[in-house]
């Protein structure tokens, strides 16, 4: 296989991984489960994803979930704990900490100030 053909295959795999994350972010997905779906080892998938996308797969999943959470926070009166569960966080406290660490404000502050 030439480098070019390998690069094309890698891009196909990354597109598949992004699709999996987009369709299943609200479920309990992990590097391991995604790697199994695309027939790669978790370590190689992790390396490839970071190389192609520029962020780790775990960070990408987190950011996808938080982007969906931000949309939900601004689009209605759904309870924050329900939003956390809807975007894949069963632990509300963990969702709050993750949101604040990545977005800079708590989910409640985000909703209040419409950042």
C-alpha atoms as a PDB file:
ATOM      1  CA  UNK A   1       0.000   0.000   0.000  1.00  0.00           C
ATOM      2  CA  UNK A   2       1.374   3.374  -0.927  1.00  0.00           C
ATOM      3  CA  UNK A   3       1.512   6.243   1.555  1.00  0.00           C
ATOM      4  CA  UNK A   4      -1.151   8.046  -0.479  1.00  0.00           C
ATOM      5  CA  UNK A   5      -3.524   5.064  -0.393  1.00  0.00           C
ATOM      6  CA  UNK A   6      -2.863   4.711   3.336  1.00  0.00           C
ATOM      7  CA  UNK A   7      -3.632   8.396   3.828  1.00  0.00           C
ATOM      8  CA  UNK A   8      -6.949   7.973   2.021  1.00  0.00           C
ATOM      9  CA  UNK A   9      -7.831   4.960   4.167  1.00  0.00           C
ATOM     10  CA  UNK A  10      -6.903   6.892   7.308  1.00  0.00           C
ATOM     11  CA  UNK A  11      -9.178   9.769   6.298  1.00  0.00           C
ATOM     12  CA  UNK A  12     -12.015   7.287   5.674  1.00  0.00           C
ATOM     13  CA  UNK A  13     -11.523   5.792   9.145  1.00  0.00           C
ATOM     14  CA  UNK A  14     -11.446   9.242  10.762  1.00  0.00           C
ATOM     15  CA  UNK A  15     -14.657  10.221   8.939  1.00  0.00           C
ATOM     16  CA  UNK A  16     -16.265   7.016  10.247  1.00  0.00           C
ATOM     17  CA  UNK A  17     -15.094   7.771  13.789  1.00  0.00           C
ATOM     18  CA  UNK A  18     -16.480  11.327  13.630  1.00  0.00           C
ATOM     19  CA  UNK A  19     -19.790   9.922  12.364  1.00  0.00           C
ATOM     20  CA  UNK A  20     -19.883   7.406  15.235  1.00  0.00           C
ATOM     21  CA  UNK A  21     -19.270  10.199  17.762  1.00  0.00           C
ATOM     22  CA  UNK A  22     -21.931  12.452  16.168  1.00  0.00           C
ATOM     23  CA  UNK A  23     -24.515   9.657  16.215  1.00  0.00           C
ATOM     24  CA  UNK A  24     -23.707   8.143  19.604  1.00  0.00           C
ATOM     25  CA  UNK A  25     -22.312  10.949  21.800  1.00  0.00           C
ATOM     26  CA  UNK A  26     -25.253  10.567  24.199  1.00  0.00           C
ATOM     27  CA  UNK A  27     -24.345   6.920  24.808  1.00  0.00           C
ATOM     28  CA  UNK A  28     -21.507   5.428  26.810  1.00  0.00           C
ATOM     29  CA  UNK A  29     -18.897   5.511  24.037  1.00  0.00           C
ATOM     30  CA  UNK A  30     -15.189   5.115  24.604  1.00  0.00           C
ATOM     31  CA  UNK A  31     -11.952   4.928  22.697  1.00  0.00           C
ATOM     32  CA  UNK A  32     -12.111   1.130  23.144  1.00  0.00           C
ATOM     33  CA  UNK A  33     -15.656   0.740  21.772  1.00  0.00           C
ATOM     34  CA  UNK A  34     -14.990   3.013  18.789  1.00  0.00           C
ATOM     35  CA  UNK A  35     -11.694   1.251  18.021  1.00  0.00           C
ATOM     36  CA  UNK A  36     -13.551  -2.065  17.912  1.00  0.00           C
ATOM     37  CA  UNK A  37     -16.081  -0.621  15.453  1.00  0.00           C
ATOM     38  CA  UNK A  38     -13.382   0.549  13.030  1.00  0.00           C
ATOM     39  CA  UNK A  39     -11.158  -2.529  13.534  1.00  0.00           C
ATOM     40  CA  UNK A  40      -8.127  -0.708  14.949  1.00  0.00           C
ATOM     41  CA  UNK A  41      -6.308  -0.986  18.245  1.00  0.00           C
ATOM     42  CA  UNK A  42      -7.252   1.784  20.698  1.00  0.00           C
ATOM     43  CA  UNK A  43      -3.672   3.081  20.784  1.00  0.00           C
ATOM     44  CA  UNK A  44      -3.383   3.274  16.983  1.00  0.00           C
ATOM     45  CA  UNK A  45      -6.810   4.898  16.647  1.00  0.00           C
ATOM     46  CA  UNK A  46      -5.841   7.422  19.307  1.00  0.00           C
ATOM     47  CA  UNK A  47      -2.590   8.234  17.480  1.00  0.00           C
ATOM     48  CA  UNK A  48      -4.296   8.459  14.080  1.00  0.00           C
ATOM     49  CA  UNK A  49      -7.178  10.617  15.309  1.00  0.00           C
ATOM     50  CA  UNK A  50      -4.866  13.088  17.026  1.00  0.00           C
ATOM     51  CA  UNK A  51      -2.630  13.242  13.928  1.00  0.00           C
ATOM     52  CA  UNK A  52      -5.557  13.832  11.518  1.00  0.00           C
ATOM     53  CA  UNK A  53      -7.882  15.998  13.639  1.00  0.00           C
ATOM     54  CA  UNK A  54      -5.455  17.781  15.955  1.00  0.00           C
ATOM     55  CA  UNK A  55      -7.153  16.831  19.236  1.00  0.00           C
ATOM     56  CA  UNK A  56      -7.426  13.530  21.050  1.00  0.00           C
ATOM     57  CA  UNK A  57     -10.500  11.389  20.446  1.00  0.00           C
ATOM     58  CA  UNK A  58     -11.512  11.703  24.099  1.00  0.00           C
ATOM     59  CA  UNK A  59     -11.272  15.518  23.867  1.00  0.00           C
ATOM     60  CA  UNK A  60     -13.302  15.409  20.636  1.00  0.00           C
ATOM     61  CA  UNK A  61     -16.057  13.341  22.311  1.00  0.00           C
ATOM     62  CA  UNK A  62     -16.073  15.762  25.268  1.00  0.00           C
ATOM     63  CA  UNK A  63     -16.275  18.830  23.023  1.00  0.00           C
ATOM     64  CA  UNK A  64     -19.074  17.268  20.937  1.00  0.00           C
ATOM     65  CA  UNK A  65     -21.056  16.557  24.099  1.00  0.00           C
ATOM     66  CA  UNK A  66     -20.448  20.047  25.489  1.00  0.00           C
ATOM     67  CA  UNK A  67     -21.433  21.708  22.193  1.00  0.00           C
ATOM     68  CA  UNK A  68     -24.736  19.788  22.267  1.00  0.00           C
ATOM     69  CA  UNK A  69     -25.181  20.729  25.941  1.00  0.00           C
ATOM     70  CA  UNK A  70     -24.652  24.428  25.106  1.00  0.00           C
ATOM     71  CA  UNK A  71     -27.341  24.224  22.409  1.00  0.00           C
ATOM     72  CA  UNK A  72     -29.761  22.620  24.874  1.00  0.00           C
ATOM     73  CA  UNK A  73     -28.945  25.108  27.627  1.00  0.00           C
ATOM     74  CA  UNK A  74     -29.816  28.015  25.339  1.00  0.00           C
ATOM     75  CA  UNK A  75     -32.852  26.487  23.673  1.00  0.00           C
ATOM     76  CA  UNK A  76     -35.237  25.817  26.526  1.00  0.00           C
ATOM     77  CA  UNK A  77     -35.949  25.153  30.135  1.00  0.00           C
ATOM     78  CA  UNK A  78     -34.748  21.564  30.358  1.00  0.00           C
ATOM     79  CA  UNK A  79     -33.225  20.821  33.752  1.00  0.00           C
ATOM     80  CA  UNK A  80     -29.437  20.859  33.686  1.00  0.00           C
ATOM     81  CA  UNK A  81     -29.317  17.349  35.143  1.00  0.00           C
ATOM     82  CA  UNK A  82     -31.535  16.146  32.254  1.00  0.00           C
ATOM     83  CA  UNK A  83     -29.257  17.898  29.751  1.00  0.00           C
ATOM     84  CA  UNK A  84     -26.238  16.188  31.330  1.00  0.00           C
ATOM     85  CA  UNK A  85     -27.886  12.773  30.888  1.00  0.00           C
ATOM     86  CA  UNK A  86     -29.039  13.611  27.355  1.00  0.00           C
ATOM     87  CA  UNK A  87     -25.481  14.393  26.214  1.00  0.00           C
ATOM     88  CA  UNK A  88     -23.953  11.270  27.752  1.00  0.00           C
ATOM     89  CA  UNK A  89     -23.080  12.193  31.339  1.00  0.00           C
ATOM     90  CA  UNK A  90     -24.724   9.972  33.937  1.00  0.00           C
ATOM     91  CA  UNK A  91     -22.905  11.785  36.729  1.00  0.00           C
ATOM     92  CA  UNK A  92     -24.255  15.330  37.059  1.00  0.00           C
ATOM     93  CA  UNK A  93     -21.330  16.555  39.189  1.00  0.00           C
ATOM     94  CA  UNK A  94     -18.838  15.275  36.640  1.00  0.00           C
ATOM     95  CA  UNK A  95     -20.782  17.034  33.875  1.00  0.00           C
ATOM     96  CA  UNK A  96     -20.693  20.305  35.855  1.00  0.00           C
ATOM     97  CA  UNK A  97     -16.935  20.056  36.449  1.00  0.00           C
ATOM     98  CA  UNK A  98     -16.202  19.083  32.833  1.00  0.00           C
ATOM     99  CA  UNK A  99     -18.390  21.906  31.512  1.00  0.00           C
ATOM    100  CA  UNK A 100     -16.772  24.514  33.730  1.00  0.00           C
ATOM    101  CA  UNK A 101     -13.216  23.301  33.008  1.00  0.00           C
ATOM    102  CA  UNK A 102     -13.770  23.405  29.242  1.00  0.00           C
ATOM    103  CA  UNK A 103     -16.179  26.321  28.777  1.00  0.00           C
ATOM    104  CA  UNK A 104     -15.033  28.529  31.654  1.00  0.00           C
ATOM    105  CA  UNK A 105     -18.387  28.900  33.389  1.00  0.00           C
ATOM    106  CA  UNK A 106     -20.861  26.504  34.968  1.00  0.00           C
ATOM    107  CA  UNK A 107     -23.824  25.267  32.893  1.00  0.00           C
ATOM    108  CA  UNK A 108     -26.158  27.486  34.970  1.00  0.00           C
ATOM    109  CA  UNK A 109     -23.978  30.562  34.369  1.00  0.00           C
ATOM    110  CA  UNK A 110     -23.770  29.724  30.684  1.00  0.00           C
ATOM    111  CA  UNK A 111     -27.571  29.521  30.435  1.00  0.00           C
ATOM    112  CA  UNK A 112     -28.029  32.714  32.462  1.00  0.00           C
ATOM    113  CA  UNK A 113     -25.611  34.817  30.421  1.00  0.00           C
ATOM    114  CA  UNK A 114     -26.228  33.135  27.052  1.00  0.00           C
ATOM    115  CA  UNK A 115     -22.526  32.961  26.247  1.00  0.00           C
END
